[in-house]
Amino acid sequence: MNGLLKLAHKTIKENIFHDRVVAAFEGLGIEHKEYLHVWPRDSLMVALELKNSNPLLAKKIVETILSLPTENGLFYQRYELDGTPDAKA
Protein backbone atom coordinates (compact mmCIF):
# COMPACT_ATOMS: atom_id res chain seq x y z
CA MET A 1 0.00 0.00 0.00
CA ASN A 2 1.52 3.33 -0.99
CA GLY A 3 1.97 6.25 1.42
CA LEU A 4 -0.98 8.31 0.18
CA LEU A 5 -3.35 5.37 0.49
CA LYS A 6 -2.10 4.64 4.01
CA LEU A 7 -2.67 8.26 5.00
CA ALA A 8 -6.19 8.16 3.54
CA HIS A 9 -7.01 5.00 5.51
CA LYS A 10 -5.58 6.50 8.71
CA THR A 11 -7.65 9.66 8.25
CA ILE A 12 -10.82 7.68 7.63
CA LYS A 13 -10.25 5.46 10.69
CA GLU A 14 -9.66 8.50 12.91
CA ASN A 15 -12.92 10.04 11.75
CA ILE A 16 -15.27 7.11 12.32
CA PHE A 17 -17.42 7.26 15.41
CA HIS A 18 -20.18 4.72 16.07
CA ASP A 19 -19.91 3.52 12.45
CA ARG A 20 -20.46 7.03 11.11
CA VAL A 21 -17.92 9.12 9.25
CA VAL A 22 -17.50 12.36 11.17
CA ALA A 23 -16.34 15.66 9.69
CA ALA A 24 -13.46 16.58 11.99
CA PHE A 25 -10.04 16.01 10.48
CA GLU A 26 -8.20 16.38 13.79
CA GLY A 27 -10.07 13.48 15.36
CA LEU A 28 -12.87 13.48 17.87
CA GLY A 29 -12.94 16.45 20.17
CA ILE A 30 -9.37 17.60 19.69
CA GLU A 31 -9.40 20.68 17.49
CA HIS A 32 -12.86 20.97 15.98
CA LYS A 33 -14.89 20.01 19.02
CA GLU A 34 -17.82 22.21 18.02
CA TYR A 35 -17.94 20.78 14.50
CA LEU A 36 -18.58 17.09 14.84
CA HIS A 37 -21.28 16.14 12.38
CA VAL A 38 -22.19 13.16 10.23
CA TRP A 39 -22.67 13.89 6.55
CA PRO A 40 -24.58 10.98 4.92
CA ARG A 41 -23.40 11.73 1.38
CA ASP A 42 -19.75 11.84 2.40
CA SER A 43 -20.10 8.74 4.59
CA LEU A 44 -21.58 6.75 1.74
CA MET A 45 -18.83 7.91 -0.63
CA VAL A 46 -16.22 6.75 1.89
CA ALA A 47 -18.02 3.39 2.18
CA LEU A 48 -17.84 3.01 -1.61
CA GLU A 49 -14.09 3.60 -1.49
CA LEU A 50 -13.67 1.14 1.41
CA LYS A 51 -15.70 -1.68 -0.16
CA ASN A 52 -12.62 -3.42 -1.57
CA SER A 53 -10.14 -2.82 1.24
CA ASN A 54 -12.47 -3.21 4.23
CA PRO A 55 -15.88 -4.55 3.13
CA LEU A 56 -17.11 -5.17 6.69
CA LEU A 57 -16.51 -1.57 7.74
CA ALA A 58 -18.03 -0.33 4.48
CA LYS A 59 -21.16 -2.41 5.14
CA LYS A 60 -21.44 -1.15 8.74
CA ILE A 61 -21.17 2.47 7.59
CA VAL A 62 -23.86 1.98 4.93
CA GLU A 63 -26.21 0.19 7.32
CA THR A 64 -25.77 2.88 9.95
CA ILE A 65 -26.33 5.73 7.51
CA LEU A 66 -29.41 4.01 6.06
CA SER A 67 -30.85 3.75 9.58
CA LEU A 68 -30.75 7.54 10.09
CA PRO A 69 -34.08 9.37 10.16
CA THR A 70 -35.21 10.94 6.89
CA GLU A 71 -37.89 13.37 5.83
CA ASN A 72 -40.12 12.07 3.02
CA GLY A 73 -37.41 9.52 2.24
CA LEU A 74 -34.66 12.13 1.92
CA PHE A 75 -31.66 12.46 4.20
CA TYR A 76 -31.07 15.63 6.12
CA GLN A 77 -27.91 17.48 5.15
CA ARG A 78 -26.09 16.47 8.32
CA TYR A 79 -26.69 14.76 11.65
CA GLU A 80 -25.46 15.02 15.20
CA LEU A 81 -23.32 12.16 16.49
CA ASP A 82 -26.34 10.60 18.19
CA GLY A 83 -28.09 10.29 14.80
CA THR A 84 -30.56 13.15 15.21
CA PRO A 85 -30.78 15.68 12.39
CA ASP A 86 -28.71 18.81 13.00
CA ALA A 87 -31.20 21.58 13.74
CA LYS A 88 -28.80 24.22 12.38
CA ALA A 89 -28.43 22.57 8.97
PDB file of N, CA and C in Angstrom:
ATOM      1  N   MET A   1       0.854  -1.176   0.000  1.00  0.00           N
ATOM      2  CA  MET A   1       0.000   0.000   0.000  1.00  0.00           C
ATOM      3  C   MET A   1       0.898   1.237   0.000  1.00  0.00           C
ATOM      4  N   ASN A   2       0.653   2.161  -0.920  1.00  0.00           N
ATOM      5  CA  ASN A   2       1.515   3.335  -0.990  1.00  0.00           C
ATOM      6  C   ASN A   2       1.206   4.322   0.137  1.00  0.00           C
ATOM      7  N   GLY A   3       2.081   5.314   0.316  1.00  0.00           N
ATOM      8  CA  GLY A   3       1.974   6.250   1.425  1.00  0.00           C
ATOM      9  C   GLY A   3       0.693   7.058   1.429  1.00  0.00           C
ATOM     10  N   LEU A   4       0.235   7.510   0.255  1.00  0.00           N
ATOM     11  CA  LEU A   4      -0.983   8.313   0.182  1.00  0.00           C
ATOM     12  C   LEU A   4      -2.205   7.488   0.583  1.00  0.00           C
ATOM     13  N   LEU A   5      -2.240   6.245   0.131  1.00  0.00           N
ATOM     14  CA  LEU A   5      -3.354   5.374   0.488  1.00  0.00           C
ATOM     15  C   LEU A   5      -3.367   5.081   1.986  1.00  0.00           C
ATOM     16  N   LYS A   6      -2.185   4.859   2.562  1.00  0.00           N
ATOM     17  CA  LYS A   6      -2.097   4.636   4.013  1.00  0.00           C
ATOM     18  C   LYS A   6      -2.593   5.846   4.786  1.00  0.00           C
ATOM     19  N   LEU A   7      -2.216   7.037   4.345  1.00  0.00           N
ATOM     20  CA  LEU A   7      -2.669   8.260   5.000  1.00  0.00           C
ATOM     21  C   LEU A   7      -4.184   8.402   4.887  1.00  0.00           C
ATOM     22  N   ALA A   8      -4.728   8.085   3.719  1.00  0.00           N
ATOM     23  CA  ALA A   8      -6.186   8.163   3.536  1.00  0.00           C
ATOM     24  C   ALA A   8      -6.900   7.207   4.484  1.00  0.00           C
ATOM     25  N   HIS A   9      -6.399   5.973   4.599  1.00  0.00           N
ATOM     26  CA  HIS A   9      -7.012   4.995   5.510  1.00  0.00           C
ATOM     27  C   HIS A   9      -6.900   5.458   6.960  1.00  0.00           C
ATOM     28  N   LYS A  10      -5.769   6.008   7.343  1.00  0.00           N
ATOM     29  CA  LYS A  10      -5.577   6.498   8.706  1.00  0.00           C
ATOM     30  C   LYS A  10      -6.563   7.626   9.001  1.00  0.00           C
ATOM     31  N   THR A  11      -6.725   8.540   8.071  1.00  0.00           N
ATOM     32  CA  THR A  11      -7.647   9.657   8.254  1.00  0.00           C
ATOM     33  C   THR A  11      -9.074   9.164   8.393  1.00  0.00           C
ATOM     34  N   ILE A  12      -9.459   8.225   7.552  1.00  0.00           N
ATOM     35  CA  ILE A  12     -10.815   7.677   7.628  1.00  0.00           C
ATOM     36  C   ILE A  12     -11.038   7.002   8.976  1.00  0.00           C
ATOM     37  N   LYS A  13     -10.096   6.165   9.412  1.00  0.00           N
ATOM     38  CA  LYS A  13     -10.247   5.458  10.689  1.00  0.00           C
ATOM     39  C   LYS A  13     -10.367   6.429  11.859  1.00  0.00           C
ATOM     40  N   GLU A  14      -9.622   7.532  11.818  1.00  0.00           N
ATOM     41  CA  GLU A  14      -9.664   8.500  12.906  1.00  0.00           C
ATOM     42  C   GLU A  14     -10.957   9.309  12.923  1.00  0.00           C
ATOM     43  N   ASN A  15     -11.705   9.254  11.845  1.00  0.00           N
ATOM     44  CA  ASN A  15     -12.924  10.043  11.754  1.00  0.00           C
ATOM     45  C   ASN A  15     -14.173   9.178  11.677  1.00  0.00           C
ATOM     46  N   ILE A  16     -14.091   7.979  12.226  1.00  0.00           N
ATOM     47  CA  ILE A  16     -15.269   7.113  12.325  1.00  0.00           C
ATOM     48  C   ILE A  16     -15.648   7.007  13.789  1.00  0.00           C
ATOM     49  N   PHE A  17     -16.902   7.274  14.055  1.00  0.00           N
ATOM     50  CA  PHE A  17     -17.418   7.262  15.411  1.00  0.00           C
ATOM     51  C   PHE A  17     -18.774   6.584  15.379  1.00  0.00           C
ATOM     52  N   HIS A  18     -18.934   5.495  16.086  1.00  0.00           N
ATOM     53  CA  HIS A  18     -20.185   4.719  16.070  1.00  0.00           C
ATOM     54  C   HIS A  18     -20.606   4.382  14.640  1.00  0.00           C
ATOM     55  N   ASP A  19     -19.658   3.929  13.833  1.00  0.00           N
ATOM     56  CA  ASP A  19     -19.907   3.520  12.450  1.00  0.00           C
ATOM     57  C   ASP A  19     -20.426   4.652  11.569  1.00  0.00           C
ATOM     58  N   ARG A  20     -20.114   5.874  11.936  1.00  0.00           N
ATOM     59  CA  ARG A  20     -20.465   7.025  11.112  1.00  0.00           C
ATOM     60  C   ARG A  20     -19.183   7.788  10.809  1.00  0.00           C
ATOM     61  N   VAL A  21     -19.072   8.305   9.602  1.00  0.00           N
ATOM     62  CA  VAL A  21     -17.916   9.121   9.251  1.00  0.00           C
ATOM     63  C   VAL A  21     -18.205  10.537   9.721  1.00  0.00           C
ATOM     64  N   VAL A  22     -17.309  11.063  10.533  1.00  0.00           N
ATOM     65  CA  VAL A  22     -17.503  12.357  11.170  1.00  0.00           C
ATOM     66  C   VAL A  22     -16.592  13.390  10.516  1.00  0.00           C
ATOM     67  N   ALA A  23     -17.126  14.576  10.287  1.00  0.00           N
ATOM     68  CA  ALA A  23     -16.344  15.664   9.695  1.00  0.00           C
ATOM     69  C   ALA A  23     -15.565  16.375  10.791  1.00  0.00           C
ATOM     70  N   ALA A  24     -14.354  15.948  11.019  1.00  0.00           N
ATOM     71  CA  ALA A  24     -13.455  16.579  11.987  1.00  0.00           C
ATOM     72  C   ALA A  24     -12.072  15.996  11.776  1.00  0.00           C
ATOM     73  N   PHE A  25     -11.311  16.584  10.895  1.00  0.00           N
ATOM     74  CA  PHE A  25     -10.041  16.006  10.478  1.00  0.00           C
ATOM     75  C   PHE A  25      -9.104  15.713  11.643  1.00  0.00           C
ATOM     76  N   GLU A  26      -9.131  16.539  12.675  1.00  0.00           N
ATOM     77  CA  GLU A  26      -8.196  16.380  13.785  1.00  0.00           C
ATOM     78  C   GLU A  26      -8.511  15.180  14.672  1.00  0.00           C
ATOM     79  N   GLY A  27      -9.647  14.568  14.481  1.00  0.00           N
ATOM     80  CA  GLY A  27     -10.067  13.478  15.356  1.00  0.00           C
ATOM     81  C   GLY A  27     -11.071  13.996  16.364  1.00  0.00           C
ATOM     82  N   LEU A  28     -11.757  13.116  17.004  1.00  0.00           N
ATOM     83  CA  LEU A  28     -12.872  13.475  17.872  1.00  0.00           C
ATOM     84  C   LEU A  28     -12.477  14.382  19.025  1.00  0.00           C
ATOM     85  N   GLY A  29     -13.059  15.559  19.037  1.00  0.00           N
ATOM     86  CA  GLY A  29     -12.941  16.454  20.171  1.00  0.00           C
ATOM     87  C   GLY A  29     -11.616  17.151  20.360  1.00  0.00           C
ATOM     88  N   ILE A  30     -10.679  16.992  19.468  1.00  0.00           N
ATOM     89  CA  ILE A  30      -9.368  17.595  19.687  1.00  0.00           C
ATOM     90  C   ILE A  30      -9.379  19.064  19.271  1.00  0.00           C
ATOM     91  N   GLU A  31      -9.521  19.320  18.003  1.00  0.00           N
ATOM     92  CA  GLU A  31      -9.398  20.676  17.489  1.00  0.00           C
ATOM     93  C   GLU A  31     -10.755  21.267  17.123  1.00  0.00           C
ATOM     94  N   HIS A  32     -11.587  20.476  16.489  1.00  0.00           N
ATOM     95  CA  HIS A  32     -12.859  20.973  15.984  1.00  0.00           C
ATOM     96  C   HIS A  32     -14.015  20.432  16.817  1.00  0.00           C
ATOM     97  N   LYS A  33     -13.917  20.576  18.097  1.00  0.00           N
ATOM     98  CA  LYS A  33     -14.888  20.008  19.021  1.00  0.00           C
ATOM     99  C   LYS A  33     -16.318  20.453  18.708  1.00  0.00           C
ATOM    100  N   GLU A  34     -16.484  21.696  18.285  1.00  0.00           N
ATOM    101  CA  GLU A  34     -17.822  22.213  18.018  1.00  0.00           C
ATOM    102  C   GLU A  34     -18.338  21.797  16.645  1.00  0.00           C
ATOM    103  N   TYR A  35     -17.542  21.108  15.862  1.00  0.00           N
ATOM    104  CA  TYR A  35     -17.939  20.784  14.495  1.00  0.00           C
ATOM    105  C   TYR A  35     -17.853  19.281  14.239  1.00  0.00           C
ATOM    106  N   LEU A  36     -18.539  18.540  15.031  1.00  0.00           N
ATOM    107  CA  LEU A  36     -18.580  17.092  14.843  1.00  0.00           C
ATOM    108  C   LEU A  36     -19.953  16.722  14.304  1.00  0.00           C
ATOM    109  N   HIS A  37     -20.032  16.491  13.023  1.00  0.00           N
ATOM    110  CA  HIS A  37     -21.285  16.137  12.379  1.00  0.00           C
ATOM    111  C   HIS A  37     -21.084  14.932  11.473  1.00  0.00           C
ATOM    112  N   VAL A  38     -22.185  14.284  11.156  1.00  0.00           N
ATOM    113  CA  VAL A  38     -22.193  13.161  10.232  1.00  0.00           C
ATOM    114  C   VAL A  38     -22.854  13.645   8.943  1.00  0.00           C
ATOM    115  N   TRP A  39     -22.158  13.500   7.856  1.00  0.00           N
ATOM    116  CA  TRP A  39     -22.666  13.887   6.546  1.00  0.00           C
ATOM    117  C   TRP A  39     -22.978  12.603   5.779  1.00  0.00           C
ATOM    118  N   PRO A  40     -24.252  12.259   5.568  1.00  0.00           N
ATOM    119  CA  PRO A  40     -24.583  10.985   4.915  1.00  0.00           C
ATOM    120  C   PRO A  40     -23.936  10.814   3.547  1.00  0.00           C
ATOM    121  N   ARG A  41     -23.969  11.847   2.719  1.00  0.00           N
ATOM    122  CA  ARG A  41     -23.395  11.732   1.377  1.00  0.00           C
ATOM    123  C   ARG A  41     -21.917  11.371   1.452  1.00  0.00           C
ATOM    124  N   ASP A  42     -21.189  12.092   2.284  1.00  0.00           N
ATOM    125  CA  ASP A  42     -19.752  11.843   2.397  1.00  0.00           C
ATOM    126  C   ASP A  42     -19.470  10.465   2.988  1.00  0.00           C
ATOM    127  N   SER A  43     -20.274  10.071   3.976  1.00  0.00           N
ATOM    128  CA  SER A  43     -20.099   8.745   4.587  1.00  0.00           C
ATOM    129  C   SER A  43     -20.298   7.639   3.569  1.00  0.00           C
ATOM    130  N   LEU A  44     -21.317   7.783   2.733  1.00  0.00           N
ATOM    131  CA  LEU A  44     -21.580   6.749   1.738  1.00  0.00           C
ATOM    132  C   LEU A  44     -20.490   6.726   0.660  1.00  0.00           C
ATOM    133  N   MET A  45     -19.942   7.878   0.331  1.00  0.00           N
ATOM    134  CA  MET A  45     -18.830   7.913  -0.630  1.00  0.00           C
ATOM    135  C   MET A  45     -17.596   7.226  -0.051  1.00  0.00           C
ATOM    136  N   VAL A  46     -17.340   7.428   1.234  1.00  0.00           N
ATOM    137  CA  VAL A  46     -16.221   6.746   1.894  1.00  0.00           C
ATOM    138  C   VAL A  46     -16.463   5.238   1.886  1.00  0.00           C
ATOM    139  N   ALA A  47     -17.693   4.827   2.176  1.00  0.00           N
ATOM    140  CA  ALA A  47     -18.015   3.392   2.177  1.00  0.00           C
ATOM    141  C   ALA A  47     -17.759   2.782   0.800  1.00  0.00           C
ATOM    142  N   LEU A  48     -18.112   3.508  -0.255  1.00  0.00           N
ATOM    143  CA  LEU A  48     -17.838   3.007  -1.609  1.00  0.00           C
ATOM    144  C   LEU A  48     -16.345   2.796  -1.824  1.00  0.00           C
ATOM    145  N   GLU A  49     -15.541   3.725  -1.337  1.00  0.00           N
ATOM    146  CA  GLU A  49     -14.087   3.601  -1.485  1.00  0.00           C
ATOM    147  C   GLU A  49     -13.527   2.458  -0.637  1.00  0.00           C
ATOM    148  N   LEU A  50     -14.155   2.188   0.501  1.00  0.00           N
ATOM    149  CA  LEU A  50     -13.670   1.142   1.405  1.00  0.00           C
ATOM    150  C   LEU A  50     -14.129  -0.260   1.013  1.00  0.00           C
ATOM    151  N   LYS A  51     -15.082  -0.368   0.102  1.00  0.00           N
ATOM    152  CA  LYS A  51     -15.698  -1.676  -0.158  1.00  0.00           C
ATOM    153  C   LYS A  51     -14.709  -2.768  -0.555  1.00  0.00           C
ATOM    154  N   ASN A  52     -13.606  -2.407  -1.187  1.00  0.00           N
ATOM    155  CA  ASN A  52     -12.623  -3.420  -1.569  1.00  0.00           C
ATOM    156  C   ASN A  52     -11.585  -3.684  -0.488  1.00  0.00           C
ATOM    157  N   SER A  53     -11.194  -2.642   0.241  1.00  0.00           N
ATOM    158  CA  SER A  53     -10.140  -2.823   1.236  1.00  0.00           C
ATOM    159  C   SER A  53     -10.675  -3.247   2.600  1.00  0.00           C
ATOM    160  N   ASN A  54     -11.897  -2.851   2.934  1.00  0.00           N
ATOM    161  CA  ASN A  54     -12.474  -3.214   4.231  1.00  0.00           C
ATOM    162  C   ASN A  54     -13.992  -3.341   4.072  1.00  0.00           C
ATOM    163  N   PRO A  55     -14.451  -4.416   3.428  1.00  0.00           N
ATOM    164  CA  PRO A  55     -15.877  -4.546   3.132  1.00  0.00           C
ATOM    165  C   PRO A  55     -16.770  -4.588   4.373  1.00  0.00           C
ATOM    166  N   LEU A  56     -16.277  -5.132   5.486  1.00  0.00           N
ATOM    167  CA  LEU A  56     -17.109  -5.167   6.693  1.00  0.00           C
ATOM    168  C   LEU A  56     -17.357  -3.768   7.234  1.00  0.00           C
ATOM    169  N   LEU A  57     -16.332  -2.946   7.275  1.00  0.00           N
ATOM    170  CA  LEU A  57     -16.506  -1.571   7.736  1.00  0.00           C
ATOM    171  C   LEU A  57     -17.398  -0.800   6.772  1.00  0.00           C
ATOM    172  N   ALA A  58     -17.197  -0.997   5.475  1.00  0.00           N
ATOM    173  CA  ALA A  58     -18.035  -0.327   4.480  1.00  0.00           C
ATOM    174  C   ALA A  58     -19.499  -0.685   4.694  1.00  0.00           C
ATOM    175  N   LYS A  59     -19.778  -1.959   4.929  1.00  0.00           N
ATOM    176  CA  LYS A  59     -21.156  -2.410   5.140  1.00  0.00           C
ATOM    177  C   LYS A  59     -21.743  -1.791   6.408  1.00  0.00           C
ATOM    178  N   LYS A  60     -20.956  -1.738   7.487  1.00  0.00           N
ATOM    179  CA  LYS A  60     -21.441  -1.146   8.738  1.00  0.00           C
ATOM    180  C   LYS A  60     -21.764   0.332   8.559  1.00  0.00           C
ATOM    181  N   ILE A  61     -20.914   1.039   7.828  1.00  0.00           N
ATOM    182  CA  ILE A  61     -21.166   2.465   7.587  1.00  0.00           C
ATOM    183  C   ILE A  61     -22.468   2.640   6.808  1.00  0.00           C
ATOM    184  N   VAL A  62     -22.638   1.874   5.746  1.00  0.00           N
ATOM    185  CA  VAL A  62     -23.858   1.982   4.927  1.00  0.00           C
ATOM    186  C   VAL A  62     -25.093   1.653   5.754  1.00  0.00           C
ATOM    187  N   GLU A  63     -25.049   0.564   6.507  1.00  0.00           N
ATOM    188  CA  GLU A  63     -26.211   0.185   7.322  1.00  0.00           C
ATOM    189  C   GLU A  63     -26.557   1.259   8.340  1.00  0.00           C
ATOM    190  N   THR A  64     -25.535   1.840   8.951  1.00  0.00           N
ATOM    191  CA  THR A  64     -25.770   2.877   9.953  1.00  0.00           C
ATOM    192  C   THR A  64     -26.353   4.128   9.318  1.00  0.00           C
ATOM    193  N   ILE A  65     -25.809   4.537   8.187  1.00  0.00           N
ATOM    194  CA  ILE A  65     -26.328   5.726   7.510  1.00  0.00           C
ATOM    195  C   ILE A  65     -27.769   5.479   7.057  1.00  0.00           C
ATOM    196  N   LEU A  66     -28.040   4.306   6.525  1.00  0.00           N
ATOM    197  CA  LEU A  66     -29.406   4.013   6.065  1.00  0.00           C
ATOM    198  C   LEU A  66     -30.411   3.942   7.204  1.00  0.00           C
ATOM    199  N   SER A  67     -29.933   3.796   8.437  1.00  0.00           N
ATOM    200  CA  SER A  67     -30.855   3.753   9.579  1.00  0.00           C
ATOM    201  C   SER A  67     -31.157   5.151  10.136  1.00  0.00           C
ATOM    202  N   LEU A  68     -30.499   6.185   9.609  1.00  0.00           N
ATOM    203  CA  LEU A  68     -30.753   7.544  10.093  1.00  0.00           C
ATOM    204  C   LEU A  68     -32.152   8.002   9.693  1.00  0.00           C
ATOM    205  N   PRO A  69     -32.754   8.861  10.514  1.00  0.00           N
ATOM    206  CA  PRO A  69     -34.082   9.368  10.158  1.00  0.00           C
ATOM    207  C   PRO A  69     -34.030  10.218   8.887  1.00  0.00           C
ATOM    208  N   THR A  70     -35.102  10.152   8.120  1.00  0.00           N
ATOM    209  CA  THR A  70     -35.210  10.936   6.892  1.00  0.00           C
ATOM    210  C   THR A  70     -36.514  11.727   6.921  1.00  0.00           C
ATOM    211  N   GLU A  71     -36.638  12.629   5.990  1.00  0.00           N
ATOM    212  CA  GLU A  71     -37.892  13.369   5.831  1.00  0.00           C
ATOM    213  C   GLU A  71     -38.396  13.102   4.423  1.00  0.00           C
ATOM    214  N   ASN A  72     -39.556  12.461   4.320  1.00  0.00           N
ATOM    215  CA  ASN A  72     -40.115  12.074   3.023  1.00  0.00           C
ATOM    216  C   ASN A  72     -39.125  11.240   2.211  1.00  0.00           C
ATOM    217  N   GLY A  73     -38.356  10.394   2.905  1.00  0.00           N
ATOM    218  CA  GLY A  73     -37.411   9.516   2.237  1.00  0.00           C
ATOM    219  C   GLY A  73     -36.084  10.157   1.883  1.00  0.00           C
ATOM    220  N   LEU A  74     -35.903  11.428   2.230  1.00  0.00           N
ATOM    221  CA  LEU A  74     -34.661  12.134   1.918  1.00  0.00           C
ATOM    222  C   LEU A  74     -33.842  12.356   3.177  1.00  0.00           C
ATOM    223  N   PHE A  75     -32.532  12.195   3.057  1.00  0.00           N
ATOM    224  CA  PHE A  75     -31.658  12.455   4.199  1.00  0.00           C
ATOM    225  C   PHE A  75     -31.614  13.945   4.497  1.00  0.00           C
ATOM    226  N   TYR A  76     -31.390  14.258   5.751  1.00  0.00           N
ATOM    227  CA  TYR A  76     -31.073  15.635   6.115  1.00  0.00           C
ATOM    228  C   TYR A  76     -29.642  15.891   5.665  1.00  0.00           C
ATOM    229  N   GLN A  77     -29.252  17.153   5.609  1.00  0.00           N
ATOM    230  CA  GLN A  77     -27.908  17.481   5.146  1.00  0.00           C
ATOM    231  C   GLN A  77     -26.849  16.892   6.061  1.00  0.00           C
ATOM    232  N   ARG A  78     -27.053  17.028   7.364  1.00  0.00           N
ATOM    233  CA  ARG A  78     -26.092  16.473   8.318  1.00  0.00           C
ATOM    234  C   ARG A  78     -26.810  16.119   9.610  1.00  0.00           C
ATOM    235  N   TYR A  79     -26.128  15.282  10.407  1.00  0.00           N
ATOM    236  CA  TYR A  79     -26.691  14.764  11.647  1.00  0.00           C
ATOM    237  C   TYR A  79     -25.720  14.993  12.795  1.00  0.00           C
ATOM    238  N   GLU A  80     -26.282  15.016  14.002  1.00  0.00           N
ATOM    239  CA  GLU A  80     -25.457  15.023  15.199  1.00  0.00           C
ATOM    240  C   GLU A  80     -24.892  13.616  15.387  1.00  0.00           C
ATOM    241  N   LEU A  81     -23.931  13.467  16.274  1.00  0.00           N
ATOM    242  CA  LEU A  81     -23.315  12.158  16.493  1.00  0.00           C
ATOM    243  C   LEU A  81     -24.307  11.113  16.989  1.00  0.00           C
ATOM    244  N   ASP A  82     -25.361  11.551  17.668  1.00  0.00           N
ATOM    245  CA  ASP A  82     -26.341  10.595  18.185  1.00  0.00           C
ATOM    246  C   ASP A  82     -27.348  10.165  17.118  1.00  0.00           C
ATOM    247  N   GLY A  83     -27.213  10.686  15.900  1.00  0.00           N
ATOM    248  CA  GLY A  83     -28.088  10.290  14.804  1.00  0.00           C
ATOM    249  C   GLY A  83     -29.277  11.204  14.592  1.00  0.00           C
ATOM    250  N   THR A  84     -29.454  12.211  15.426  1.00  0.00           N
ATOM    251  CA  THR A  84     -30.560  13.150  15.212  1.00  0.00           C
ATOM    252  C   THR A  84     -30.140  14.182  14.167  1.00  0.00           C
ATOM    253  N   PRO A  85     -31.103  14.649  13.382  1.00  0.00           N
ATOM    254  CA  PRO A  85     -30.778  15.681  12.388  1.00  0.00           C
ATOM    255  C   PRO A  85     -30.245  16.936  13.080  1.00  0.00           C
ATOM    256  N   ASP A  86     -29.273  17.573  12.463  1.00  0.00           N
ATOM    257  CA  ASP A  86     -28.709  18.805  13.005  1.00  0.00           C
ATOM    258  C   ASP A  86     -29.701  19.930  12.763  1.00  0.00           C
ATOM    259  N   ALA A  87     -30.186  20.524  13.832  1.00  0.00           N
ATOM    260  CA  ALA A  87     -31.201  21.577  13.741  1.00  0.00           C
ATOM    261  C   ALA A  87     -30.689  22.824  13.020  1.00  0.00           C
ATOM    262  N   LYS A  88     -29.379  23.016  13.005  1.00  0.00           N
ATOM    263  CA  LYS A  88     -28.803  24.216  12.376  1.00  0.00           C
ATOM    264  C   LYS A  88     -28.566  24.039  10.876  1.00  0.00           C
ATOM    265  N   ALA A  89     -28.725  22.812  10.382  1.00  0.00           N
ATOM    266  CA  ALA A  89     -28.433  22.568   8.966  1.00  0.00           C
ATOM    267  C   ALA A  89     -29.601  22.988   8.090  1.00  0.00           C
TER     268      ALA A  89
END
